């Protein structure tokens, strides 16, 4: 056990290393990904995103919305994406470092829409989750030493259909935990409101809010190979504000990607790298994660089992890919 010199009291373990790939294996996946991005491309369903890619030197078809990203631009973007950044908590002791091959951190994940309420011995009732449930979860995470930052575990369903549910979820989360808040359900049109909340926390100091962001965001490309309007806008706005963005693919082997895991890794890799390229075009040096919740698709039941052995195998694989590119990595656990 070694002490983390950045934050006294934090411990890190020198554990067992699992090597899933040889250098040749990694290079084959990388080369196949570059071929997909430059020859076939990704669909970008956002007008501004298309213009950004075009100005950066990509081959863009404005009618089909297909963007072919040249390898040189991918490499350039990977060179500017930081290998380390910080997730700031409202309490400084809860600030943590996200680093390439750095310490492993843990967060809760969701987002669930129901909770099970205890009503007495052997009696439970399942109901929609609300803002109070979200606040209670945040307070529990604030207490739990083994959870490093807070992601939405449940949604504030009492705000559904009333407008700006995602904004209320952010405000409730920020008020209820002193740890960093990772917004995993951001809405592009409301990112400015998230930013205004962060600036307000710093007493109107926008520079401080940018230098020490107390929240981050997660977006998912739409498999196979699409950056939706929401994903593209969240990535670009996050880059401009200096807010860390987690570009997280949720490809499903046998459903939205190849049934073969190697093929799924190529699809996954192309989607994540496309999002990272977009962030670096907009603001070189913008903090980004290489993210994954990619798993298999259960063809019999029509579900995406996130507790399957394949998810663990894929998560370990994409972690190595993210490390290969020198990026902080975020992967789903089993």
Protein backbone atom coordinates (compact mmCIF):
# COMPACT_ATOMS: atom_id res chain seq x y z
CA UNK A 1 0.00 0.00 0.00
CA UNK A 2 1.30 3.44 -0.91
CA UNK A 3 0.12 6.87 0.18
CA UNK A 4 -1.27 9.20 -2.48
CA UNK A 5 0.92 12.28 -2.15
CA UNK A 6 -1.70 14.61 -3.62
CA UNK A 7 -4.27 13.99 -0.92
CA UNK A 8 -2.99 12.97 2.52
CA UNK A 9 -4.96 10.11 3.96
CA UNK A 10 -5.91 8.67 0.58
CA UNK A 11 -4.53 5.20 0.02
CA UNK A 12 -3.90 3.29 -3.18
CA UNK A 13 -3.17 -0.37 -3.72
CA UNK A 14 -0.54 -1.84 -6.01
CA UNK A 15 -2.69 -4.74 -7.23
CA UNK A 16 -2.47 -7.56 -9.73
CA UNK A 17 -2.24 -6.53 -13.37
CA UNK A 18 -4.32 -8.36 -15.97
CA UNK A 19 -2.92 -8.09 -19.49
CA UNK A 20 -5.64 -8.95 -22.01
CA UNK A 21 -3.78 -7.82 -25.12
CA UNK A 22 -0.36 -8.01 -26.65
CA UNK A 23 0.96 -4.83 -28.24
CA UNK A 24 0.02 -6.29 -31.62
CA UNK A 25 -3.56 -6.91 -30.46
CA UNK A 26 -3.96 -3.30 -29.36
CA UNK A 27 -2.49 -2.02 -32.61
CA UNK A 28 -4.90 -4.14 -34.67
CA UNK A 29 -7.92 -2.68 -32.85
CA UNK A 30 -6.46 0.81 -33.19
CA UNK A 31 -5.82 0.39 -36.93
CA UNK A 32 -9.30 -1.03 -37.54
CA UNK A 33 -10.79 1.92 -35.64
CA UNK A 34 -8.87 4.46 -37.68
CA UNK A 35 -10.11 2.73 -40.84
CA UNK A 36 -13.73 2.94 -39.64
CA UNK A 37 -13.40 6.63 -38.74
CA UNK A 38 -11.63 7.71 -41.92
CA UNK A 39 -13.30 5.44 -44.49
CA UNK A 40 -16.86 5.03 -43.21
CA UNK A 41 -17.14 7.76 -40.58
CA UNK A 42 -19.69 8.54 -37.88
CA UNK A 43 -23.07 10.22 -38.16
CA UNK A 44 -23.29 13.55 -36.38
CA UNK A 45 -26.91 14.61 -35.92
CA UNK A 46 -26.13 18.19 -34.96
CA UNK A 47 -25.64 21.07 -37.39
CA UNK A 48 -23.08 22.92 -35.31
CA UNK A 49 -21.15 19.69 -34.73
CA UNK A 50 -21.04 19.05 -38.47
CA UNK A 51 -19.65 22.53 -39.08
CA UNK A 52 -17.02 22.10 -36.37
CA UNK A 53 -15.80 18.82 -37.86
CA UNK A 54 -15.79 20.31 -41.36
CA UNK A 55 -13.71 23.34 -40.36
CA UNK A 56 -11.24 21.00 -38.66
CA UNK A 57 -10.54 19.19 -41.93
CA UNK A 58 -13.00 16.29 -41.91
CA UNK A 59 -14.86 15.05 -44.98
CA UNK A 60 -18.46 15.98 -44.12
CA UNK A 61 -21.60 15.09 -46.07
CA UNK A 62 -24.19 17.60 -44.88
CA UNK A 63 -27.08 15.59 -46.36
CA UNK A 64 -26.32 12.20 -44.84
CA UNK A 65 -24.62 13.86 -41.81
CA UNK A 66 -21.70 11.45 -42.13
CA UNK A 67 -18.32 12.69 -40.94
CA UNK A 68 -15.09 10.98 -41.99
CA UNK A 69 -12.39 11.77 -39.46
CA UNK A 70 -8.80 11.49 -40.75
CA UNK A 71 -6.29 9.63 -38.62
CA UNK A 72 -4.05 12.68 -38.23
CA UNK A 73 -6.87 14.58 -36.55
CA UNK A 74 -7.57 11.71 -34.16
CA UNK A 75 -3.88 11.54 -33.20
CA UNK A 76 -3.70 15.31 -32.79
CA UNK A 77 -6.76 15.28 -30.54
CA UNK A 78 -5.38 12.46 -28.40
CA UNK A 79 -2.18 14.47 -28.00
CA UNK A 80 -4.06 17.47 -26.58
CA UNK A 81 -6.54 15.54 -24.38
CA UNK A 82 -5.18 15.69 -20.82
CA UNK A 83 -3.91 12.57 -19.08
CA UNK A 84 -4.94 14.04 -15.73
CA UNK A 85 -7.60 16.36 -14.37
CA UNK A 86 -9.40 16.96 -11.08
CA UNK A 87 -12.96 16.49 -9.91
CA UNK A 88 -13.58 19.19 -7.33
CA UNK A 89 -15.85 18.71 -4.36
CA UNK A 90 -17.58 21.47 -2.43
CA UNK A 91 -15.42 20.26 0.44
CA UNK A 92 -11.77 20.40 -0.66
CA UNK A 93 -11.00 17.10 1.06
CA UNK A 94 -13.34 15.41 -1.42
CA UNK A 95 -11.49 16.69 -4.48
CA UNK A 96 -9.94 13.81 -6.39
CA UNK A 97 -7.65 13.16 -9.29
CA UNK A 98 -8.60 11.36 -12.49
CA UNK A 99 -5.36 10.19 -14.05
CA UNK A 100 -4.13 7.90 -16.78
CA UNK A 101 -3.11 4.68 -14.97
CA UNK A 102 -3.82 6.47 -11.70
CA UNK A 103 -5.72 5.48 -8.59
CA UNK A 104 -9.04 3.65 -9.01
CA UNK A 105 -12.07 5.63 -7.81
CA UNK A 106 -15.66 4.51 -7.33
CA UNK A 107 -19.02 6.15 -7.91
CA UNK A 108 -22.66 5.08 -7.76
CA UNK A 109 -24.52 4.75 -11.05
CA UNK A 110 -28.05 4.61 -12.44
CA UNK A 111 -30.32 6.23 -13.25
CA UNK A 112 -33.14 4.30 -11.59
CA UNK A 113 -36.71 5.53 -11.71
CA UNK A 114 -38.14 3.60 -8.74
CA UNK A 115 -37.23 2.86 -5.13
CA UNK A 116 -38.29 0.15 -2.71
CA UNK A 117 -39.67 1.64 0.50
CA UNK A 118 -39.54 -0.26 3.77
CA UNK A 119 -42.92 -0.26 5.53
CA UNK A 120 -42.27 -2.75 8.32
CA UNK A 121 -40.99 -6.27 8.94
CA UNK A 122 -41.27 -8.12 5.64
CA UNK A 123 -43.28 -5.30 4.06
CA UNK A 124 -42.02 -3.21 1.14
CA UNK A 125 -43.59 -0.98 -1.48
CA UNK A 126 -42.13 -0.02 -4.85
CA UNK A 127 -42.82 3.57 -5.94
CA UNK A 128 -41.42 6.16 -8.31
CA UNK A 129 -38.31 7.88 -6.97
CA UNK A 130 -38.53 11.57 -6.19
CA UNK A 131 -36.34 14.52 -5.22
CA UNK A 132 -36.27 13.46 -1.57
CA UNK A 133 -34.96 10.02 -2.51
CA UNK A 134 -32.24 11.64 -4.61
CA UNK A 135 -31.24 13.92 -1.73
CA UNK A 136 -31.13 10.99 0.70
CA UNK A 137 -28.92 9.00 -1.70
CA UNK A 138 -26.57 11.96 -2.03
CA UNK A 139 -26.32 12.30 1.76
CA UNK A 140 -25.58 8.59 2.05
CA UNK A 141 -22.81 8.87 -0.54
CA UNK A 142 -21.46 11.90 1.30
CA UNK A 143 -21.09 9.68 4.36
CA UNK A 144 -19.71 6.61 2.54
CA UNK A 145 -15.91 6.72 2.48
CA UNK A 146 -15.68 4.08 -0.26
CA UNK A 147 -17.65 6.14 -2.80
CA UNK A 148 -15.50 8.94 -4.15
CA UNK A 149 -18.01 11.06 -6.08
CA UNK A 150 -21.74 11.20 -6.69
CA UNK A 151 -23.55 10.13 -9.86
CA UNK A 152 -27.34 10.06 -10.22
CA UNK A 153 -28.56 6.74 -8.75
CA UNK A 154 -32.27 7.65 -9.01
CA UNK A 155 -34.26 10.35 -10.77
CA UNK A 156 -36.53 13.05 -9.38
CA UNK A 157 -39.69 11.72 -11.00
CA UNK A 158 -41.82 14.31 -9.21
CA UNK A 159 -40.40 16.82 -11.69
CA UNK A 160 -41.07 14.66 -14.77
CA UNK A 161 -43.17 16.51 -17.32
CA UNK A 162 -42.96 19.76 -15.38
CA UNK A 163 -39.80 20.99 -17.08
CA UNK A 164 -36.09 21.03 -16.24
CA UNK A 165 -36.07 17.79 -14.26
CA UNK A 166 -32.35 17.47 -14.96
CA UNK A 167 -31.67 20.95 -13.56
CA UNK A 168 -33.53 20.15 -10.34
CA UNK A 169 -31.58 16.89 -10.07
CA UNK A 170 -28.33 18.80 -10.31
CA UNK A 171 -29.35 21.41 -7.75
CA UNK A 172 -30.57 18.76 -5.31
CA UNK A 173 -27.38 16.77 -5.74
CA UNK A 174 -25.10 19.76 -5.22
CA UNK A 175 -26.98 20.78 -2.08
CA UNK A 176 -26.97 17.27 -0.62
CA UNK A 177 -23.36 16.18 -1.01
CA UNK A 178 -20.00 17.86 -0.54
CA UNK A 179 -18.48 15.48 -3.08
CA UNK A 180 -18.13 16.07 -6.81
CA UNK A 181 -21.33 15.61 -8.82
CA UNK A 182 -21.23 13.61 -12.06
CA UNK A 183 -24.39 14.41 -14.06
CA UNK A 184 -25.11 11.27 -16.10
CA UNK A 185 -28.36 12.56 -17.64
CA UNK A 186 -27.48 16.01 -18.99
CA UNK A 187 -29.77 17.80 -21.43
CA UNK A 188 -27.96 19.94 -23.99
CA UNK A 189 -30.43 22.81 -23.84
CA UNK A 190 -29.94 23.07 -20.06
CA UNK A 191 -26.15 22.89 -19.77
CA UNK A 192 -26.06 26.68 -19.43
CA UNK A 193 -28.27 26.37 -16.33
CA UNK A 194 -25.86 23.80 -14.84
CA UNK A 195 -23.04 26.20 -15.50
CA UNK A 196 -24.91 29.11 -13.93
CA UNK A 197 -25.44 27.03 -10.77
CA UNK A 198 -21.71 26.31 -10.57
CA UNK A 199 -20.85 29.98 -11.11
CA UNK A 200 -23.36 30.98 -8.43
CA UNK A 201 -21.70 28.55 -6.02
CA UNK A 202 -18.44 30.45 -6.57
CA UNK A 203 -20.14 33.77 -5.90
CA UNK A 204 -20.37 34.74 -9.56
CA UNK A 205 -16.71 33.98 -10.31
CA UNK A 206 -16.84 32.22 -13.72
CA UNK A 207 -13.06 31.76 -13.82
CA UNK A 208 -13.14 29.91 -10.51
CA UNK A 209 -16.02 27.76 -11.75
CA UNK A 210 -13.96 26.84 -14.82
CA UNK A 211 -10.73 26.27 -12.91
CA UNK A 212 -12.42 24.13 -10.24
CA UNK A 213 -15.55 22.54 -11.73
CA UNK A 214 -17.75 21.00 -9.04
CA UNK A 215 -19.70 18.98 -11.60
CA UNK A 216 -19.00 16.92 -14.69
CA UNK A 217 -21.20 15.34 -17.37
CA UNK A 218 -21.65 12.00 -19.12
CA UNK A 219 -22.91 11.48 -22.67
CA UNK A 220 -23.45 8.33 -24.72
CA UNK A 221 -22.91 8.06 -28.46
CA UNK A 222 -25.81 6.25 -30.11
CA UNK A 223 -24.57 2.86 -31.29
CA UNK A 224 -23.67 2.14 -33.93
CA UNK A 225 -21.51 5.14 -34.75
CA UNK A 226 -23.64 8.21 -34.10
CA UNK A 227 -23.16 11.37 -32.09
CA UNK A 228 -26.68 12.65 -31.47
CA UNK A 229 -27.60 16.32 -31.18
CA UNK A 230 -27.62 16.00 -27.40
CA UNK A 231 -24.27 14.19 -27.21
CA UNK A 232 -22.52 16.59 -29.59
CA UNK A 233 -23.85 19.68 -27.83
CA UNK A 234 -23.00 18.45 -24.33
CA UNK A 235 -19.47 17.59 -25.49
CA UNK A 236 -18.95 20.99 -27.11
CA UNK A 237 -20.47 23.03 -24.28
CA UNK A 238 -18.57 21.04 -21.68
CA UNK A 239 -15.31 21.71 -23.54
CA UNK A 240 -16.00 25.45 -23.70
CA UNK A 241 -16.86 25.68 -20.00
CA UNK A 242 -13.96 23.48 -18.90
CA UNK A 243 -16.38 20.94 -17.43
CA UNK A 244 -15.07 17.34 -17.64
CA UNK A 245 -17.10 15.19 -20.04
CA UNK A 246 -17.33 11.41 -19.94
CA UNK A 247 -17.74 10.08 -23.49
CA UNK A 248 -19.22 6.68 -22.68
CA UNK A 249 -20.27 4.12 -25.28
CA UNK A 250 -23.05 1.67 -24.46
CA UNK A 251 -22.72 -0.53 -27.53
CA UNK A 252 -24.45 -3.92 -27.24
CA UNK A 253 -22.66 -6.87 -28.82
CA UNK A 254 -25.17 -8.72 -30.98
CA UNK A 255 -27.57 -5.77 -30.94
CA UNK A 256 -26.10 -2.42 -31.87
CA UNK A 257 -22.61 -3.74 -32.61
CA UNK A 258 -20.91 -6.91 -33.79
CA UNK A 259 -21.73 -10.15 -31.98
CA UNK A 260 -17.98 -10.69 -31.85
CA UNK A 261 -16.38 -8.87 -28.92
CA UNK A 262 -13.37 -7.76 -30.98
CA UNK A 263 -15.72 -6.11 -33.47
CA UNK A 264 -17.68 -4.50 -30.65
CA UNK A 265 -14.43 -3.04 -29.30
CA UNK A 266 -13.79 -1.39 -32.67
CA UNK A 267 -17.29 0.14 -32.74
CA UNK A 268 -16.95 1.24 -29.13
CA UNK A 269 -13.52 2.72 -29.76
CA UNK A 270 -14.65 4.66 -32.82
CA UNK A 271 -17.62 6.16 -30.99
CA UNK A 272 -15.61 7.30 -27.98
CA UNK A 273 -12.73 8.66 -30.05
CA UNK A 274 -15.16 10.62 -32.26
CA UNK A 275 -16.52 12.36 -29.15
CA UNK A 276 -13.04 13.05 -27.82
CA UNK A 277 -11.98 14.52 -31.17
CA UNK A 278 -14.99 16.86 -31.10
CA UNK A 279 -14.09 18.07 -27.62
CA UNK A 280 -10.49 18.75 -28.57
CA UNK A 281 -11.40 20.59 -31.78
CA UNK A 282 -13.59 22.95 -29.75
CA UNK A 283 -11.12 23.42 -26.89
CA UNK A 284 -7.73 21.68 -27.04
CA UNK A 285 -6.92 20.37 -23.57
CA UNK A 286 -10.58 19.99 -22.53
CA UNK A 287 -10.85 17.29 -19.82
CA UNK A 288 -12.44 14.05 -21.05
CA UNK A 289 -12.81 10.46 -19.93
CA UNK A 290 -12.57 7.39 -22.14
CA UNK A 291 -15.83 5.80 -20.96
CA UNK A 292 -17.63 2.47 -21.26
CA UNK A 293 -20.77 0.69 -20.22
CA UNK A 294 -20.61 -1.52 -23.28
CA UNK A 295 -21.98 -5.03 -22.82
CA UNK A 296 -23.71 -7.83 -24.72
CA UNK A 297 -27.29 -7.99 -25.93
CA UNK A 298 -29.47 -10.87 -24.70
CA UNK A 299 -31.17 -11.92 -27.95
CA UNK A 300 -33.63 -14.18 -26.12
CA UNK A 301 -34.89 -11.66 -23.57
CA UNK A 302 -34.20 -8.42 -25.46
CA UNK A 303 -32.17 -6.93 -22.62
CA UNK A 304 -28.66 -5.56 -22.09
CA UNK A 305 -27.27 -7.48 -19.08
CA UNK A 306 -24.90 -5.14 -17.28
CA UNK A 307 -23.99 -7.83 -14.76
CA UNK A 308 -22.81 -10.34 -17.34
CA UNK A 309 -19.31 -11.83 -17.48
CA UNK A 310 -18.96 -10.29 -20.93
CA UNK A 311 -19.39 -6.80 -19.50
CA UNK A 312 -16.49 -7.45 -17.14
CA UNK A 313 -14.37 -8.71 -20.02
CA UNK A 314 -15.29 -5.74 -22.22
CA UNK A 315 -14.67 -3.26 -19.39
CA UNK A 316 -11.21 -4.71 -18.80
CA UNK A 317 -10.54 -4.52 -22.54
CA UNK A 318 -11.63 -0.92 -23.03
CA UNK A 319 -9.67 0.07 -19.93
CA UNK A 320 -6.56 -1.11 -21.74
CA UNK A 321 -7.60 0.83 -24.85
CA UNK A 322 -8.07 4.00 -22.82
CA UNK A 323 -4.66 3.47 -21.24
CA UNK A 324 -3.16 2.92 -24.69
CA UNK A 325 -4.38 6.40 -25.65
CA UNK A 326 -3.08 7.95 -22.41
CA UNK A 327 -6.52 8.92 -21.07
CA UNK A 328 -8.32 8.63 -17.73
CA UNK A 329 -10.76 5.73 -18.03
CA UNK A 330 -14.31 5.22 -16.68
CA UNK A 331 -15.77 1.72 -16.95
CA UNK A 332 -18.84 -0.09 -15.65
CA UNK A 333 -18.27 -2.63 -12.89
CA UNK A 334 -19.89 -6.03 -12.56
